[in-house]
Protein backbone atom coordinates (compact mmCIF):
# COMPACT_ATOMS: atom_id res chain seq x y z
CA MET A 1 0.61 15.54 -51.36
CA GLY A 2 3.75 17.65 -51.54
CA THR A 3 5.10 15.87 -48.45
CA TYR A 4 4.74 12.46 -50.04
CA ILE A 5 6.31 13.56 -53.31
CA GLY A 6 9.22 15.19 -51.43
CA ILE A 7 9.91 12.02 -49.42
CA LEU A 8 9.71 9.92 -52.60
CA ILE A 9 12.14 12.23 -54.35
CA ILE A 10 14.64 11.82 -51.53
CA ALA A 11 14.10 8.10 -50.92
CA SER A 12 13.61 6.82 -54.46
CA PRO A 13 17.27 6.68 -55.53
CA PHE A 14 18.25 4.80 -52.37
CA LEU A 15 15.29 2.36 -52.62
CA ILE A 16 15.83 1.72 -56.32
CA ALA A 17 19.51 1.08 -55.86
CA SER A 18 18.98 -1.26 -52.90
CA CYS A 19 16.18 -3.14 -54.74
CA ALA A 20 18.33 -3.52 -57.81
CA GLY A 21 21.13 -4.97 -55.69
CA TYR A 22 18.90 -7.51 -53.97
CA TRP A 23 17.34 -8.44 -57.31
CA LYS A 24 20.73 -9.34 -58.82
CA LEU A 25 21.93 -11.12 -55.68
CA PHE A 26 18.78 -13.23 -55.59
CA GLN A 27 19.36 -14.16 -59.25
CA LYS A 28 22.94 -15.18 -58.45
CA ALA A 29 21.53 -17.65 -55.93
CA GLY A 30 19.13 -19.13 -58.50
CA ARG A 31 16.04 -17.32 -57.26
CA PRO A 32 13.75 -15.04 -59.32
CA GLY A 33 14.71 -11.40 -58.86
CA TRP A 34 11.11 -10.34 -58.24
CA GLU A 35 11.10 -12.28 -54.94
CA SER A 36 13.39 -9.60 -53.47
CA LEU A 37 10.68 -6.94 -53.86
CA ILE A 38 7.98 -8.66 -51.73
CA PRO A 39 8.03 -7.61 -48.04
CA PHE A 40 8.49 -10.44 -45.51
CA TYR A 41 8.63 -13.04 -48.29
CA SER A 42 11.97 -11.66 -49.40
CA SER A 43 13.26 -12.11 -45.82
CA TYR A 44 11.92 -15.66 -45.90
CA VAL A 45 13.96 -16.34 -49.05
CA MET A 46 17.06 -14.75 -47.54
CA LEU A 47 16.74 -17.09 -44.53
CA LYS A 48 16.50 -20.06 -46.89
CA LEU A 49 19.55 -18.87 -48.86
CA SER A 50 21.63 -18.50 -45.70
CA GLY A 51 20.40 -21.68 -44.02
CA ARG A 52 18.52 -20.12 -41.11
CA PRO A 53 15.08 -21.37 -39.94
CA ALA A 54 12.30 -19.94 -42.06
CA TRP A 55 10.08 -19.35 -39.03
CA TRP A 56 12.41 -16.53 -37.98
CA VAL A 57 10.16 -14.29 -40.13
CA ILE A 58 7.84 -14.21 -37.10
CA TRP A 59 10.37 -12.00 -35.28
CA PHE A 60 9.61 -9.17 -37.71
CA PHE A 61 6.29 -8.67 -35.94
CA ILE A 62 7.99 -7.94 -32.61
CA PRO A 63 9.34 -4.34 -32.45
CA LEU A 64 12.81 -4.71 -30.84
CA ALA A 65 13.35 -8.30 -32.07
CA SER A 66 12.66 -7.19 -35.66
CA LEU A 67 15.65 -4.83 -35.55
CA ILE A 68 18.01 -7.47 -34.14
CA VAL A 69 16.86 -10.30 -36.37
CA GLY A 70 16.73 -8.04 -39.46
CA ALA A 71 20.39 -7.10 -38.95
CA GLY A 72 21.31 -10.74 -38.47
CA ILE A 73 19.53 -11.82 -41.63
CA VAL A 74 21.40 -9.28 -43.72
CA ILE A 75 24.78 -10.39 -42.23
CA ASP A 76 24.06 -14.07 -42.90
CA PHE A 77 22.88 -13.24 -46.39
CA ILE A 78 25.98 -11.31 -47.47
CA LYS A 79 28.22 -14.03 -45.91
CA SER A 80 26.59 -16.39 -48.37
CA TYR A 81 28.27 -14.24 -51.03
CA GLY A 82 31.71 -14.35 -49.40
CA LYS A 83 31.38 -11.08 -47.49
CA PHE A 84 32.79 -11.84 -44.05
CA THR A 85 34.55 -8.73 -42.78
CA THR A 86 33.39 -6.04 -40.41
CA ARG A 87 33.73 -3.58 -43.26
CA ASP A 88 31.38 -5.72 -45.36
CA ARG A 89 28.76 -5.83 -42.58
CA ALA A 90 28.95 -2.07 -42.11
CA ALA A 91 28.71 -1.51 -45.84
CA ALA A 92 25.63 -3.77 -46.21
CA ILE A 93 23.71 -2.11 -43.38
CA LEU A 94 24.85 1.52 -43.38
CA LEU A 95 25.44 1.90 -47.11
CA GLY A 96 23.41 -0.87 -48.64
CA PHE A 97 22.13 1.36 -51.41
CA ILE A 98 25.76 1.57 -52.67
CA TYR A 99 27.28 -1.86 -51.89
CA LEU A 100 24.31 -4.16 -52.58
CA PRO A 101 24.09 -3.11 -56.24
CA LYS A 102 27.84 -3.12 -56.49
CA TRP A 103 28.03 -6.75 -55.32
CA GLY A 104 24.97 -7.64 -57.40
CA PHE A 105 26.34 -6.40 -60.65
CA GLU A 106 30.03 -7.29 -60.31
CA SER A 107 31.04 -10.66 -61.67
CA LYS A 108 33.48 -11.59 -58.86
CA THR A 109 30.73 -11.69 -56.23
CA GLN A 110 28.82 -15.02 -56.45
CA TYR A 111 26.59 -17.04 -54.22
CA VAL A 112 28.77 -19.56 -52.37
CA GLY A 113 26.26 -21.43 -50.20
CA GLN A 114 24.31 -21.36 -46.95
CA SER A 115 26.51 -19.39 -44.59
CA ALA A 116 24.71 -20.65 -41.47
CA SER A 117 25.18 -24.36 -42.27
CA PRO A 118 27.80 -26.29 -40.18
CA ASP A 119 29.78 -27.42 -43.26
CA PHE A 120 30.00 -23.93 -44.62
CA LYS A 121 31.17 -22.49 -41.27
CA LYS A 122 34.16 -24.93 -41.27
CA ASN A 123 35.47 -23.22 -44.40
CA TYR A 124 35.16 -19.65 -43.09
CA PRO A 125 38.36 -17.61 -43.58
CA LYS A 126 40.34 -17.57 -40.37
CA SER A 127 39.94 -13.82 -40.05
CA ALA A 128 36.16 -14.22 -40.26
CA LYS A 129 35.73 -16.84 -37.53
CA HIS A 130 33.91 -14.79 -34.91
CA SER A 131 31.11 -15.83 -32.65
CA SER A 132 27.53 -15.31 -33.85
CA VAL A 133 26.95 -13.02 -30.85
CA PHE A 134 29.89 -10.82 -31.99
CA GLU A 135 28.72 -10.68 -35.59
CA TRP A 136 25.09 -9.98 -34.75
CA SER A 137 26.11 -7.33 -32.19
CA GLN A 138 28.01 -5.57 -34.93
CA GLY A 139 25.06 -5.84 -37.25
CA LEU A 140 22.68 -4.53 -34.59
CA LEU A 141 24.98 -1.58 -33.91
CA PHE A 142 24.99 -0.62 -37.57
CA ALA A 143 21.23 -1.13 -37.83
CA VAL A 144 20.64 1.09 -34.77
CA ILE A 145 22.81 3.80 -36.28
CA THR A 146 20.90 3.68 -39.55
CA ALA A 147 17.50 3.69 -37.76
CA MET A 148 18.53 6.59 -35.58
CA PHE A 149 19.61 8.56 -38.61
CA ILE A 150 16.27 7.96 -40.35
CA ARG A 151 14.38 8.82 -37.15
CA ALA A 152 16.28 12.05 -36.65
CA PHE A 153 16.22 13.39 -40.20
CA PHE A 154 13.45 11.68 -42.17
CA ILE A 155 10.50 10.10 -40.38
CA GLU A 156 9.46 9.17 -36.85
CA ALA A 157 6.66 7.12 -35.34
CA TYR A 158 4.23 8.68 -32.88
CA VAL A 159 1.28 7.24 -30.91
CA MET A 160 -1.84 9.33 -30.30
CA PRO A 161 -2.21 9.36 -26.49
CA THR A 162 -5.36 11.51 -25.91
CA PRO A 163 -8.70 12.27 -27.57
CA SER A 164 -7.74 15.94 -28.20
CA MET A 165 -7.76 15.42 -32.03
CA GLU A 166 -10.84 13.21 -32.33
CA ARG A 167 -12.33 12.20 -34.57
CA THR A 168 -9.54 13.16 -36.97
CA LEU A 169 -7.14 11.07 -34.90
CA LEU A 170 -8.15 8.48 -32.36
CA VAL A 171 -6.44 7.34 -29.18
CA GLY A 172 -4.18 4.47 -30.26
CA ASP A 173 -3.51 5.72 -33.78
CA HIS A 174 0.13 5.03 -34.69
CA ILE A 175 1.30 7.91 -36.90
CA PHE A 176 4.33 8.51 -39.07
CA VAL A 177 5.63 12.08 -38.69
CA SER A 178 7.63 13.68 -41.54
CA LYS A 179 10.83 15.48 -40.58
CA VAL A 180 11.61 16.57 -44.14
CA ASN A 181 8.46 18.54 -44.88
CA TYR A 182 9.41 21.57 -42.79
CA GLY A 183 13.08 20.63 -42.65
CA ALA A 184 14.59 18.32 -40.06
CA ARG A 185 15.60 19.88 -36.76
CA THR A 186 19.14 18.72 -35.91
CA PRO A 187 19.46 17.07 -32.46
CA MET A 188 19.77 19.63 -29.66
CA THR A 189 20.54 17.04 -26.98
CA PRO A 190 22.59 14.52 -28.99
CA ILE A 191 23.73 12.29 -26.10
CA SER A 192 20.76 10.11 -25.34
CA PHE A 193 19.60 6.50 -25.27
CA PRO A 194 18.53 5.29 -28.76
CA PHE A 195 14.82 5.44 -29.50
CA ALA A 196 13.85 6.78 -26.06
CA HIS A 197 12.38 10.24 -25.87
CA ASN A 198 12.95 11.65 -22.38
CA THR A 199 12.76 8.68 -20.03
CA LEU A 200 13.73 5.05 -20.25
CA PRO A 201 10.62 2.85 -20.63
CA ASN A 202 9.54 1.22 -17.35
CA PHE A 203 12.45 2.80 -15.44
CA TYR A 204 11.28 6.45 -15.33
CA VAL A 205 14.79 7.83 -15.39
CA ARG A 206 16.20 10.34 -17.82
CA SER A 207 17.28 8.88 -21.17
CA TYR A 208 19.59 11.75 -22.01
CA TRP A 209 22.51 13.78 -20.71
CA ASP A 210 22.02 17.53 -20.91
CA GLY A 211 25.61 18.35 -20.03
CA PHE A 212 26.21 18.88 -23.76
CA GLU A 213 23.61 20.72 -25.85
CA LEU A 214 23.66 22.11 -29.41
CA PRO A 215 21.97 25.27 -30.58
CA TYR A 216 18.73 25.13 -32.58
CA PHE A 217 19.24 24.57 -36.33
CA ARG A 218 16.81 23.37 -38.98
CA LEU A 219 17.70 21.94 -42.38
CA PRO A 220 15.88 23.24 -45.47
CA GLY A 221 12.42 21.74 -46.00
CA PHE A 222 9.93 21.33 -48.83
CA SER A 223 7.44 23.78 -47.43
CA ASN A 224 6.61 26.15 -44.56
CA ILE A 225 3.95 25.36 -41.95
CA LYS A 226 0.52 26.30 -43.24
CA SER A 227 -2.73 26.93 -41.43
CA GLY A 228 -4.59 23.64 -41.29
CA ASP A 229 -1.49 21.41 -41.09
CA VAL A 230 -1.52 18.74 -38.35
CA ILE A 231 1.83 19.12 -36.61
CA VAL A 232 3.82 17.43 -33.84
CA PHE A 233 5.78 19.67 -31.51
CA ASN A 234 7.45 19.73 -28.09
CA TYR A 235 5.03 20.94 -25.43
CA PRO A 236 6.11 24.53 -24.70
CA GLN A 237 4.88 24.46 -21.10
CA ASP A 238 6.77 21.25 -20.26
CA THR A 239 8.89 22.50 -17.36
CA ILE A 240 9.59 19.14 -15.64
CA ASN A 241 13.17 19.14 -14.46
CA ASN A 242 13.88 21.95 -16.90
CA ARG A 243 14.03 19.58 -19.82
CA PRO A 244 15.79 20.66 -23.05
CA VAL A 245 13.48 21.72 -25.88
CA ASP A 246 13.82 18.47 -27.88
CA LYS A 247 13.22 16.31 -24.82
CA ARG A 248 9.91 17.93 -23.85
CA GLU A 249 6.73 15.93 -24.25
CA ASN A 250 5.45 15.54 -27.81
CA TYR A 251 2.02 17.11 -28.61
CA ILE A 252 -0.01 16.89 -31.81
CA LYS A 253 -2.50 19.57 -32.81
CA ARG A 254 -3.75 21.37 -35.90
CA CYS A 255 -1.93 24.62 -36.71
CA GLU A 256 -4.57 27.28 -36.82
CA GLY A 257 -2.46 30.39 -37.12
CA ILE A 258 1.07 30.98 -38.50
CA ALA A 259 3.53 33.76 -37.70
CA GLY A 260 2.01 37.16 -38.37
CA ASP A 261 -1.63 36.03 -38.34
CA THR A 262 -4.25 37.62 -36.17
CA VAL A 263 -6.14 34.79 -34.55
CA SER A 264 -9.49 34.84 -32.83
CA MET A 265 -12.32 32.45 -31.81
CA VAL A 266 -15.94 33.51 -32.17
CA ASP A 267 -18.55 31.10 -30.84
CA GLY A 268 -16.28 28.11 -31.38
CA GLN A 269 -15.28 29.16 -34.92
CA ALA A 270 -11.67 30.03 -35.62
CA TYR A 271 -10.90 33.24 -37.56
CA ILE A 272 -7.65 34.28 -39.20
CA ASP A 273 -7.26 37.96 -40.04
CA GLY A 274 -11.06 38.24 -39.69
CA LYS A 275 -11.80 35.33 -42.09
CA ALA A 276 -13.61 32.27 -40.87
CA GLN A 277 -11.54 29.07 -41.19
CA GLU A 278 -12.77 25.73 -42.49
CA ILE A 279 -13.88 23.41 -39.69
CA PRO A 280 -12.21 19.98 -39.92
CA PRO A 281 -14.75 17.39 -41.16
CA ASP A 282 -14.02 15.10 -38.21
CA GLY A 283 -13.70 17.89 -35.64
CA GLN A 284 -15.89 17.65 -32.58
CA LEU A 285 -17.89 19.97 -30.35
CA GLU A 286 -19.84 19.27 -27.22
CA TYR A 287 -23.60 19.37 -27.69
CA THR A 288 -26.63 19.46 -25.46
CA TYR A 289 -29.90 17.87 -26.58
CA LYS A 290 -33.43 17.37 -25.29
CA THR A 291 -35.65 14.45 -26.12
CA ILE A 292 -39.38 13.83 -26.34
CA GLY A 293 -40.23 10.67 -24.47
CA SER A 294 -37.46 8.08 -24.41
CA ASP A 295 -33.80 8.99 -24.35
CA VAL A 296 -31.39 8.22 -27.16
CA LYS A 297 -30.15 4.64 -27.02
CA PRO A 298 -26.46 4.16 -26.25
CA GLU A 299 -26.20 1.93 -29.33
CA LEU A 300 -27.21 4.80 -31.56
CA LEU A 301 -24.69 7.16 -29.92
CA SER A 302 -22.00 4.56 -30.47
CA GLU A 303 -23.03 4.08 -34.12
CA LEU A 304 -22.79 7.82 -34.73
CA HIS A 305 -19.41 7.93 -32.88
CA ILE A 306 -20.88 10.30 -30.24
CA THR A 307 -18.68 10.12 -27.14
CA ALA A 308 -19.24 11.17 -23.53
CA TYR A 309 -15.77 11.98 -22.18
CA GLU A 310 -14.91 11.50 -18.55
CA GLY A 311 -15.29 14.75 -16.62
CA HIS A 312 -17.47 16.34 -19.34
CA GLN A 313 -21.15 16.96 -18.85
CA TYR A 314 -22.07 16.93 -22.50
CA PRO A 315 -21.36 14.41 -25.29
CA ALA A 316 -19.01 15.36 -28.14
CA MET A 317 -19.85 14.77 -31.78
CA THR A 318 -18.92 15.93 -35.30
CA LYS A 319 -21.17 18.32 -37.20
CA ALA A 320 -22.24 15.42 -39.48
CA SER A 321 -23.20 13.24 -36.49
CA ALA A 322 -25.10 16.14 -34.96
CA GLY A 323 -27.06 16.58 -38.21
CA ILE A 324 -28.08 12.93 -38.27
CA LEU A 325 -29.05 12.92 -34.55
CA LYS A 326 -31.11 16.08 -35.02
CA GLY A 327 -33.20 14.30 -37.62
CA TYR A 328 -34.54 11.71 -35.22
CA ALA A 329 -38.17 12.15 -34.22
CA ASN A 330 -37.56 12.09 -30.46
CA ILE A 331 -34.89 14.88 -30.57
CA LYS A 332 -36.63 18.09 -29.51
CA ALA A 333 -33.57 20.35 -29.49
CA LEU A 334 -29.88 19.97 -30.24
CA MET A 335 -27.38 22.81 -29.80
CA PRO A 336 -23.57 23.12 -29.44
CA VAL A 337 -22.38 24.07 -25.98
CA ILE A 338 -20.73 27.49 -26.50
CA SER A 339 -19.34 29.79 -23.76
CA PRO A 340 -20.85 33.28 -24.08
CA LYS A 341 -18.91 36.24 -25.46
CA GLY A 342 -17.28 38.73 -23.12
CA VAL A 343 -17.30 36.41 -20.11
CA SER A 344 -14.11 34.94 -18.49
CA ASP A 345 -14.33 31.32 -17.39
CA SER A 346 -12.89 31.21 -13.86
CA LEU A 347 -13.32 27.44 -13.67
CA ASN A 348 -11.51 26.86 -16.96
CA PRO A 349 -9.17 29.86 -17.36
CA VAL A 350 -7.48 30.40 -20.68
CA PHE A 351 -4.21 32.06 -21.80
CA PRO A 352 -2.64 34.19 -20.40
CA HIS A 353 -4.50 33.77 -17.10
CA VAL A 354 -3.29 30.18 -16.73
CA TYR A 355 0.43 30.91 -16.50
CA PRO A 356 1.21 34.44 -15.36
CA LEU A 357 4.95 34.69 -14.67
CA HIS A 358 5.38 38.14 -13.16
CA VAL A 359 3.58 40.87 -11.30
CA MET A 360 2.16 42.79 -14.21
CA LEU A 361 2.40 46.46 -14.93
CA THR A 362 -1.02 47.09 -13.32
CA LYS A 363 -0.15 44.73 -10.38
CA THR A 364 -2.97 42.46 -11.56
CA LEU A 365 -3.43 40.51 -14.76
CA PRO A 366 -5.90 42.29 -17.13
CA ASP A 367 -9.24 40.63 -17.59
CA TYR A 368 -9.34 39.94 -21.32
CA LYS A 369 -12.82 38.39 -20.96
CA TRP A 370 -11.75 35.38 -23.05
CA ASN A 371 -12.84 31.74 -22.90
CA VAL A 372 -12.37 28.58 -24.97
CA ASP A 373 -15.05 29.53 -27.53
CA ASN A 374 -14.56 33.31 -27.68
CA PHE A 375 -10.98 34.32 -27.68
CA GLY A 376 -8.72 37.09 -28.99
CA PRO A 377 -7.93 38.73 -31.30
CA ILE A 378 -4.25 38.00 -30.75
CA VAL A 379 -1.29 38.46 -33.04
CA VAL A 380 1.00 35.42 -33.56
CA PRO A 381 4.61 36.70 -33.26
CA LYS A 382 6.69 36.69 -36.43
CA LYS A 383 10.46 36.87 -36.75
CA GLY A 384 11.38 40.57 -37.15
CA TRP A 385 8.02 41.85 -35.85
CA THR A 386 8.24 44.58 -33.23
CA VAL A 387 5.53 44.69 -30.63
CA LYS A 388 4.72 47.62 -28.36
CA LEU A 389 4.75 46.45 -24.77
CA ASP A 390 2.06 47.79 -22.43
CA SER A 391 -0.25 46.47 -19.77
CA MET A 392 -2.37 44.60 -22.30
CA THR A 393 0.34 43.14 -24.60
CA PHE A 394 3.10 42.34 -22.09
CA PRO A 395 1.20 39.41 -20.42
CA LEU A 396 0.67 37.86 -23.87
CA TYR A 397 4.31 37.89 -24.97
CA GLU A 398 6.38 37.83 -21.80
CA ARG A 399 6.97 34.05 -21.95
CA CYS A 400 8.10 34.31 -25.57
CA ILE A 401 10.51 37.07 -24.67
CA GLU A 402 11.93 35.50 -21.51
CA VAL A 403 11.66 31.75 -21.84
CA TYR A 404 11.62 30.93 -25.56
CA GLU A 405 14.04 33.65 -26.66
CA ASN A 406 16.27 33.59 -23.56
CA ASN A 407 16.17 37.13 -22.40
CA LYS A 408 16.48 38.47 -18.87
CA LEU A 409 13.17 40.14 -18.21
CA LYS A 410 12.38 42.33 -15.22
CA VAL A 411 9.57 44.71 -14.25
CA VAL A 412 10.40 47.56 -11.85
CA ASN A 413 7.78 50.08 -10.80
CA GLY A 414 5.82 49.50 -14.02
CA ASP A 415 8.97 49.80 -16.22
CA ILE A 416 10.08 46.88 -18.40
CA PHE A 417 13.77 45.91 -18.54
CA ILE A 418 15.01 43.41 -21.12
CA ASN A 419 18.65 42.38 -20.58
CA GLY A 420 19.09 45.35 -18.28
CA GLN A 421 17.77 47.91 -20.83
CA LYS A 422 14.61 49.82 -20.19
CA THR A 423 12.25 49.50 -23.15
CA ASN A 424 8.62 49.48 -24.24
CA THR A 425 9.09 47.44 -27.45
CA TYR A 426 10.50 44.05 -28.45
CA THR A 427 11.55 42.56 -31.79
CA PHE A 428 11.04 38.76 -32.06
CA LYS A 429 13.83 36.45 -33.11
CA MET A 430 11.66 33.46 -34.07
CA ASN A 431 8.40 32.59 -35.80
CA TYR A 432 5.59 31.21 -33.64
CA TYR A 433 2.42 29.23 -34.30
CA TRP A 434 -1.09 28.93 -32.78
CA THR A 435 -2.57 25.44 -32.46
CA ILE A 436 -6.00 24.04 -31.65
CA GLY A 437 -7.19 20.44 -31.20
CA ASP A 438 -9.95 19.19 -33.49
CA ASN A 439 -11.84 18.01 -30.36
CA LEU A 440 -12.43 21.59 -29.39
CA HIS A 441 -13.81 21.06 -25.91
CA ASP A 442 -11.38 18.31 -24.86
CA SER A 443 -8.02 19.72 -26.02
CA GLU A 444 -5.27 21.50 -24.09
CA ASP A 445 -3.86 23.76 -26.79
CA SER A 446 -2.76 27.32 -27.51
CA ARG A 447 -5.98 28.71 -25.96
CA PHE A 448 -4.56 27.60 -22.64
CA TRP A 449 -0.77 27.96 -22.89
CA GLY A 450 -0.13 30.26 -25.84
CA PHE A 451 2.29 30.08 -28.73
CA VAL A 452 4.41 27.25 -30.17
CA PRO A 453 7.95 28.52 -30.99
CA GLU A 454 9.46 27.31 -34.25
CA ASP A 455 12.32 25.54 -32.47
CA HIS A 456 9.73 23.29 -30.77
CA VAL A 457 8.27 21.98 -34.07
CA VAL A 458 9.12 18.33 -34.71
CA GLY A 459 7.35 17.68 -38.01
CA LYS A 460 4.15 17.13 -39.96
CA ALA A 461 1.75 14.22 -39.30
CA LEU A 462 1.60 12.14 -42.53
CA PHE A 463 -0.49 8.98 -42.17
CA ILE A 464 -1.71 6.34 -39.79
CA TRP A 465 0.17 3.13 -40.28
CA MET A 466 -1.68 1.22 -37.59
CA SER A 467 -4.47 1.86 -35.08
CA TRP A 468 -5.02 -0.02 -31.82
CA ASP A 469 -8.15 0.21 -29.71
CA SER A 470 -7.15 -0.89 -26.21
CA ASP A 471 -10.80 -0.88 -25.04
CA ALA A 472 -12.06 -3.24 -27.70
CA GLY A 473 -12.33 -6.99 -27.55
CA LEU A 474 -9.36 -9.14 -28.47
CA LEU A 475 -10.60 -9.73 -32.05
CA HIS A 476 -11.34 -6.09 -32.65
CA LYS A 477 -8.39 -4.24 -31.18
CA ILE A 478 -6.88 -3.41 -34.61
CA ARG A 479 -8.90 -0.77 -36.43
CA TRP A 480 -8.37 -2.08 -39.98
CA ASP A 481 -10.35 0.77 -41.52
CA ARG A 482 -7.68 3.24 -40.40
CA PHE A 483 -4.68 1.30 -41.84
CA LEU A 484 -2.51 3.62 -44.05
CA ARG A 485 -5.06 6.45 -43.68
CA GLY A 486 -3.70 9.95 -44.39
CA VAL A 487 -3.89 12.66 -41.78
CA ASN A 488 -6.06 15.48 -43.18
């Protein structure tokens, strides 16, 4: 709730000012002011006032076209009030919250006719007679700048690509991610193609130039990351072409432990500082069940949202679904599939066995006897915390020391050298986080690759604005029940 309030506090003055400007400008054209407040219909009215075809509203439902046409509609609209210059176009799109109310409330600005009509164009001022392509290109440029600013510092769209958070988040959920909640991270690789993350769509070439990079810096936010928050971050183990931090792949998981916490897993249950954590209501585990007589019908499994994932032997389900299934007469036994304590899983190794970087102090990596369901305890590094480095702790924190905090790390005859200095301790420069997917047995998370550094954090998942089921029939692809659903 604090996130929504914070965004409203920031956005409200801009929205109110812009709405007030449109309201007055609509009235000057003889239209009711309230029409300016209705999404899509207000654009329809603006098209009518400027003399453009009303069917252009359709373009708003096409992602890239909506940006181009939206900029063009605003340009035609302000021209209908005698605003022809490049400065006017820039003011309307970049600083609309200032100039729209200014023009709306000042007496000298009046509606002068449909700017797109042939007769009106004949009377354009000589200095304003540019081609439509030139004018719309300018408008598009200003719109792109505005959208990039909003995306970088306020809110960004993200699509759920995998089932690692089911059933909290489904594959195809389109999510808005808040940058202001934890404070926006300023761009670290500022020279890049607009709206592309690390590659150009369909071309598979880099969308950025890493010849100029800026240091990590985060603006003040409304809150700190808390245990239980669903966060988006750059994948720490993304080492493809040595990508910059902000160009690494985006991951979304639930933050289980924050800096300074002692995290452990016991029989699939997360513990923080020895205290059991609340299991997400829509979190899933794999279960095994036995039946008496006939097997469970696939239709029932589908109705209970019980899913058999490819490559997994057992179906995954929420605790609630398991409770319902267990109540059926033909279910003899139903139990979660939990790896036993004190046993390492050689087929599915966990951190730090997955990514050892050096020959360790004992020449071999210690056997921590951890697995996905029984893990730890492990302390999440906190800025200013000093850890004693030995054969058991060094493998856990070496990547943080060397890769994330950019130190030269070397082990010689069992001795640790950091930046050329022999030492057996290290004091961390950043906060770190421990993340786990709600779909516990189908999630690549901190149990496999370790800690999330604070400079990798993108923002907090807010709500689902649209959900698309690519496997459903044509008439059922949109999951209407998930529209504007908050991420818990």
